[in-house]
Every structure is written in structure tokens, then in C-alpha cells.
């Protein structure tokens, strides 16, 4: 499922995320800085081995929360575009469950907005992972 609003691209997918297409979507001639966060499945957490992760989402609510985060970012920073894509399903080590890309005229806004986005997403969006 997806939701695209002029400068916001939000998707929850059950297929591999295309990092390059995410970067391409946020690029623009007015953007001097693009910050990209790529979350990957690591092989251990809290000293325990991880074999795979399973992500589940309450899609309708997750998309609404992701949209709120993106709109908040556009209000707080001079950002031209923001993309938030999250994957659901079973992911193995090294696979990508989340991509966040933020484009702004200047790098500081892109960096700050990207960090805020992933931190807020992890706190408030109804997407759960099971190890």
C-alpha cells in the first residue's frame, strides 16, 4: 500500500525496497543535500543471535502515522521532499526493512529531518518486529 502526496512518498511493501529508486525520487535541482537512512537486519541484538526478523504492520494506521511524521518534518525543516518506505514480512540478515530519504536545499536540514523521522517512526508507527 502507498500514499504519495506532492512532496511526500510513503509506502508499506511486502517486497524488497529499491534504494536507488528512493534516492531518485527525492532528487531535484533545488536540493543540495540528500540524507538517506537505510535500516538493515543485523545478525545479533542485545548479545543474542538473530536469524531473521518478521515485520507486521497495522497498515492503515501506520500509513497515517507515517504521513503525520512527514508533514511534521515539512513544517519543522526547509525540506523539499521526504520518502518513508517500510517493508513487512520475513527478512533475512542484510535485507532492508526501512528506507528514509530526505532532500533539502542544505545538508543540515536533511540530516536533522532524517534522524527525526527514523526516531519518531520507531516510537510511534504501529509496525512490529519479531525475532
Foldseek 3Di string as FASTA:
>chain_A
DWDDDPQETEEEEADADDQVVQQVVQDDPLFPAKDKDWDFAAQDDPRHGDFKKFKDAPPVQLNVQLVVLQVVLVVPAQWRHKYWYAYGGIGGGGTTGIMIMTTHNDHVSNVVSRVSSVVVSVVDGGMDMDD
